[in-house]
C-alpha cells in the first residue's frame, strides 16, 4: 500500500487523520520545506477525538509529540512511499 492510498477524513492546520484501507487509522502531518506528508499510526479513540485534541493547544502538543514519536508508517519522501507493515501496532 502506498502513501497515496491514504484517505483523509478529518482535517486541521497542516495535519489530518484518516485511514489506510479499512482498519489502519493514521495521523498525517506535513513536514519539511516542501510540505511532504508523513503518516503515523493512531488508535480508533485518537481518531474519534481528533477535533478535541487538535484544537486544544496544551493537549495538542502533548498528543502530537506522543504520536510523532511512533514509527513512520510511510511518507511522501523519496524511498518511503510504501506502507511499512512491520511497524504496525495492535491498537
N, C-alpha and C. Protein backbone atom coordinates (compact mmCIF):
# COMPACT_ATOMS: atom_id res chain seq x y z
N UNK A 1 0.85 -1.16 0.00
CA UNK A 1 0.00 0.00 0.00
C UNK A 1 0.91 1.24 0.00
N UNK A 2 0.58 2.22 -0.82
CA UNK A 2 1.38 3.44 -0.92
C UNK A 2 0.77 4.58 -0.11
N UNK A 3 1.59 5.57 0.18
CA UNK A 3 1.10 6.72 0.95
C UNK A 3 -0.01 7.46 0.21
N UNK A 4 -0.06 7.32 -1.09
CA UNK A 4 -1.11 7.97 -1.89
C UNK A 4 -2.47 7.32 -1.70
N UNK A 5 -2.52 6.17 -1.02
CA UNK A 5 -3.78 5.49 -0.76
C UNK A 5 -4.41 5.91 0.57
N UNK A 6 -3.80 6.86 1.24
CA UNK A 6 -4.34 7.41 2.48
C UNK A 6 -5.62 8.18 2.15
N UNK A 7 -6.67 7.95 2.94
CA UNK A 7 -7.94 8.66 2.76
C UNK A 7 -8.09 9.63 3.92
N UNK A 8 -8.01 10.91 3.61
CA UNK A 8 -8.14 11.98 4.61
C UNK A 8 -9.61 12.12 4.99
N UNK A 9 -9.91 12.03 6.28
CA UNK A 9 -11.29 12.10 6.73
C UNK A 9 -11.57 13.36 7.54
N UNK A 10 -10.62 13.74 8.42
CA UNK A 10 -10.79 14.94 9.24
C UNK A 10 -9.52 15.78 9.10
N UNK A 11 -9.68 17.10 9.00
CA UNK A 11 -8.52 17.95 8.79
C UNK A 11 -8.37 19.00 9.87
N UNK A 12 -7.12 19.42 10.05
CA UNK A 12 -6.76 20.50 10.95
C UNK A 12 -5.68 21.31 10.25
N UNK A 13 -5.01 22.16 10.97
CA UNK A 13 -3.95 23.00 10.41
C UNK A 13 -2.69 22.18 10.15
N UNK A 14 -2.36 21.93 8.89
CA UNK A 14 -1.18 21.16 8.46
C UNK A 14 -1.19 19.74 9.02
N UNK A 15 -2.36 19.23 9.36
CA UNK A 15 -2.49 17.88 9.89
C UNK A 15 -3.86 17.33 9.55
N UNK A 16 -3.96 16.02 9.58
CA UNK A 16 -5.25 15.37 9.37
C UNK A 16 -5.20 13.99 9.97
N UNK A 17 -6.36 13.36 10.06
CA UNK A 17 -6.44 11.95 10.41
C UNK A 17 -7.30 11.28 9.34
N UNK A 18 -7.00 10.02 9.12
CA UNK A 18 -7.72 9.27 8.10
C UNK A 18 -7.36 7.81 8.21
N UNK A 19 -7.46 7.13 7.07
CA UNK A 19 -7.26 5.68 7.10
C UNK A 19 -6.51 5.18 5.87
N UNK A 20 -5.83 4.07 6.10
CA UNK A 20 -5.30 3.23 5.03
C UNK A 20 -6.15 1.99 5.06
N UNK A 21 -6.80 1.68 3.98
CA UNK A 21 -7.68 0.52 3.95
C UNK A 21 -8.86 0.71 4.88
N UNK A 22 -9.33 -0.40 5.46
CA UNK A 22 -10.50 -0.36 6.34
C UNK A 22 -10.16 -0.45 7.82
N UNK A 23 -8.86 -0.59 8.16
CA UNK A 23 -8.57 -0.85 9.57
C UNK A 23 -7.34 -0.13 10.13
N UNK A 24 -6.63 0.63 9.32
CA UNK A 24 -5.42 1.30 9.82
C UNK A 24 -5.69 2.80 9.91
N UNK A 25 -5.83 3.28 11.14
CA UNK A 25 -6.04 4.71 11.37
C UNK A 25 -4.68 5.39 11.38
N UNK A 26 -4.62 6.58 10.78
CA UNK A 26 -3.33 7.26 10.67
C UNK A 26 -3.48 8.76 10.90
N UNK A 27 -2.40 9.34 11.39
CA UNK A 27 -2.26 10.77 11.58
C UNK A 27 -1.31 11.26 10.49
N UNK A 28 -1.72 12.26 9.73
CA UNK A 28 -0.90 12.82 8.66
C UNK A 28 -0.45 14.20 9.09
N UNK A 29 0.85 14.45 8.95
CA UNK A 29 1.39 15.78 9.21
C UNK A 29 2.29 16.16 8.04
N UNK A 30 2.22 17.42 7.65
CA UNK A 30 3.06 17.91 6.56
C UNK A 30 4.39 18.35 7.16
N UNK A 31 5.48 17.86 6.59
CA UNK A 31 6.81 18.10 7.15
C UNK A 31 7.75 18.67 6.11
N UNK A 32 8.81 19.27 6.59
CA UNK A 32 9.87 19.75 5.71
C UNK A 32 9.50 20.98 4.92
N UNK A 33 10.44 21.42 4.13
CA UNK A 33 10.28 22.63 3.32
C UNK A 33 9.20 22.46 2.26
N UNK A 34 9.06 21.25 1.75
CA UNK A 34 8.12 21.00 0.66
C UNK A 34 6.77 20.48 1.13
N UNK A 35 6.53 20.51 2.44
CA UNK A 35 5.27 20.01 2.99
C UNK A 35 4.97 18.58 2.55
N UNK A 36 5.97 17.72 2.66
CA UNK A 36 5.77 16.31 2.34
C UNK A 36 4.99 15.64 3.46
N UNK A 37 4.01 14.81 3.13
CA UNK A 37 3.23 14.15 4.17
C UNK A 37 4.00 13.01 4.83
N UNK A 38 3.74 12.85 6.12
CA UNK A 38 4.31 11.77 6.90
C UNK A 38 3.16 11.17 7.71
N UNK A 39 3.11 9.85 7.82
CA UNK A 39 1.97 9.17 8.43
C UNK A 39 2.41 8.33 9.62
N UNK A 40 1.65 8.44 10.72
CA UNK A 40 1.90 7.69 11.93
C UNK A 40 0.59 7.00 12.33
N UNK A 41 0.71 5.78 12.81
CA UNK A 41 -0.49 5.03 13.23
C UNK A 41 -1.09 5.64 14.49
N UNK A 42 -2.42 5.70 14.53
CA UNK A 42 -3.16 6.15 15.70
C UNK A 42 -4.26 5.13 16.00
N UNK A 43 -4.81 5.24 17.19
CA UNK A 43 -5.90 4.34 17.58
C UNK A 43 -7.24 4.89 17.10
N UNK A 44 -8.26 4.07 17.15
CA UNK A 44 -9.63 4.49 16.81
C UNK A 44 -10.06 5.61 17.75
N UNK A 45 -9.71 5.49 19.04
CA UNK A 45 -10.07 6.53 20.02
C UNK A 45 -9.41 7.86 19.68
N UNK A 46 -8.14 7.83 19.29
CA UNK A 46 -7.44 9.07 18.90
C UNK A 46 -8.08 9.66 17.65
N UNK A 47 -8.46 8.80 16.72
CA UNK A 47 -9.17 9.25 15.52
C UNK A 47 -10.47 9.94 15.91
N UNK A 48 -11.25 9.28 16.77
CA UNK A 48 -12.57 9.81 17.16
C UNK A 48 -12.47 11.14 17.91
N UNK A 49 -11.39 11.36 18.65
CA UNK A 49 -11.25 12.57 19.45
C UNK A 49 -10.34 13.62 18.81
N UNK A 50 -10.01 13.46 17.54
CA UNK A 50 -9.10 14.37 16.84
C UNK A 50 -9.51 15.83 16.98
N UNK A 51 -10.78 16.14 16.80
CA UNK A 51 -11.23 17.54 16.88
C UNK A 51 -10.92 18.13 18.26
N UNK A 52 -11.03 17.32 19.28
CA UNK A 52 -10.80 17.81 20.64
C UNK A 52 -9.31 18.07 20.87
N UNK A 53 -8.46 17.05 20.65
CA UNK A 53 -7.05 17.25 20.96
C UNK A 53 -6.30 18.09 19.93
N UNK A 54 -6.82 18.22 18.72
CA UNK A 54 -6.13 19.06 17.74
C UNK A 54 -6.43 20.54 17.92
N UNK A 55 -7.50 20.88 18.63
CA UNK A 55 -7.87 22.27 18.87
C UNK A 55 -7.33 22.80 20.18
N UNK A 56 -7.13 21.94 21.16
CA UNK A 56 -6.61 22.35 22.47
C UNK A 56 -5.09 22.32 22.41
N UNK A 57 -4.46 23.50 22.34
CA UNK A 57 -3.02 23.55 22.12
C UNK A 57 -2.20 22.87 23.21
N UNK A 58 -2.65 22.92 24.45
CA UNK A 58 -1.93 22.25 25.53
C UNK A 58 -1.93 20.75 25.29
N UNK A 59 -3.09 20.19 25.02
CA UNK A 59 -3.20 18.76 24.75
C UNK A 59 -2.59 18.43 23.39
N UNK A 60 -2.81 19.29 22.40
CA UNK A 60 -2.34 19.04 21.05
C UNK A 60 -0.83 18.80 21.03
N UNK A 61 -0.06 19.65 21.68
CA UNK A 61 1.39 19.49 21.66
C UNK A 61 1.80 18.18 22.31
N UNK A 62 1.17 17.85 23.41
CA UNK A 62 1.48 16.60 24.10
C UNK A 62 1.09 15.40 23.24
N UNK A 63 -0.12 15.42 22.70
CA UNK A 63 -0.61 14.32 21.87
C UNK A 63 0.20 14.23 20.58
N UNK A 64 0.45 15.36 19.94
CA UNK A 64 1.23 15.37 18.70
C UNK A 64 2.62 14.81 18.94
N UNK A 65 3.27 15.24 20.01
CA UNK A 65 4.60 14.74 20.36
C UNK A 65 4.57 13.23 20.56
N UNK A 66 3.55 12.75 21.27
CA UNK A 66 3.41 11.31 21.51
C UNK A 66 3.27 10.56 20.19
N UNK A 67 2.42 11.05 19.30
CA UNK A 67 2.18 10.38 18.01
C UNK A 67 3.42 10.44 17.12
N UNK A 68 4.09 11.59 17.08
CA UNK A 68 5.26 11.73 16.22
C UNK A 68 6.44 10.88 16.68
N UNK A 69 6.41 10.42 17.91
CA UNK A 69 7.46 9.53 18.40
C UNK A 69 7.18 8.06 18.06
N UNK A 70 6.05 7.82 17.43
CA UNK A 70 5.75 6.46 16.94
C UNK A 70 6.43 6.28 15.59
N UNK A 71 6.65 5.02 15.18
CA UNK A 71 7.28 4.79 13.88
C UNK A 71 6.49 5.42 12.73
N UNK A 72 7.21 5.86 11.71
CA UNK A 72 6.58 6.39 10.50
C UNK A 72 6.09 5.20 9.67
N UNK A 73 4.79 5.21 9.36
CA UNK A 73 4.24 4.13 8.53
C UNK A 73 4.71 4.26 7.10
N UNK A 74 4.67 5.47 6.58
CA UNK A 74 5.15 5.79 5.25
C UNK A 74 5.21 7.31 5.13
N UNK A 75 5.77 7.77 4.02
CA UNK A 75 5.99 9.19 3.89
C UNK A 75 6.00 9.58 2.41
N UNK A 76 5.82 10.85 2.16
CA UNK A 76 5.92 11.36 0.81
C UNK A 76 7.37 11.55 0.38
N UNK A 77 8.31 11.33 1.30
CA UNK A 77 9.73 11.46 0.97
C UNK A 77 10.16 10.34 0.04
N UNK A 78 11.12 10.64 -0.80
CA UNK A 78 11.67 9.67 -1.74
C UNK A 78 12.12 8.40 -1.01
N UNK A 79 11.64 7.28 -1.47
CA UNK A 79 12.03 5.99 -0.91
C UNK A 79 11.23 5.53 0.29
N UNK A 80 10.25 6.29 0.73
CA UNK A 80 9.45 5.90 1.90
C UNK A 80 7.97 5.84 1.57
N UNK A 81 7.65 5.65 0.30
CA UNK A 81 6.28 5.70 -0.16
C UNK A 81 5.42 4.49 0.16
N UNK A 82 6.05 3.35 0.44
CA UNK A 82 5.30 2.13 0.74
C UNK A 82 5.01 2.02 2.22
N UNK A 83 3.82 1.54 2.57
CA UNK A 83 3.42 1.35 3.96
C UNK A 83 4.31 0.29 4.61
N UNK A 84 4.93 0.64 5.73
CA UNK A 84 5.80 -0.28 6.47
C UNK A 84 4.93 -1.07 7.45
N UNK A 85 4.46 -2.23 7.02
CA UNK A 85 3.56 -3.03 7.85
C UNK A 85 4.26 -3.62 9.07
N UNK A 86 5.58 -3.68 9.05
CA UNK A 86 6.30 -4.22 10.22
C UNK A 86 6.22 -3.26 11.40
N UNK A 87 5.89 -1.99 11.16
CA UNK A 87 5.81 -1.03 12.26
C UNK A 87 4.39 -0.88 12.81
N UNK A 88 3.42 -1.62 12.24
CA UNK A 88 2.05 -1.54 12.75
C UNK A 88 1.96 -2.14 14.13
N UNK A 89 1.16 -1.46 14.98
CA UNK A 89 0.96 -1.96 16.34
C UNK A 89 -0.51 -2.33 16.50
N UNK A 90 -0.78 -3.21 17.44
CA UNK A 90 -2.15 -3.58 17.76
C UNK A 90 -2.73 -2.46 18.61
N UNK A 91 -3.59 -1.65 17.99
CA UNK A 91 -4.15 -0.50 18.71
C UNK A 91 -5.62 -0.72 18.77
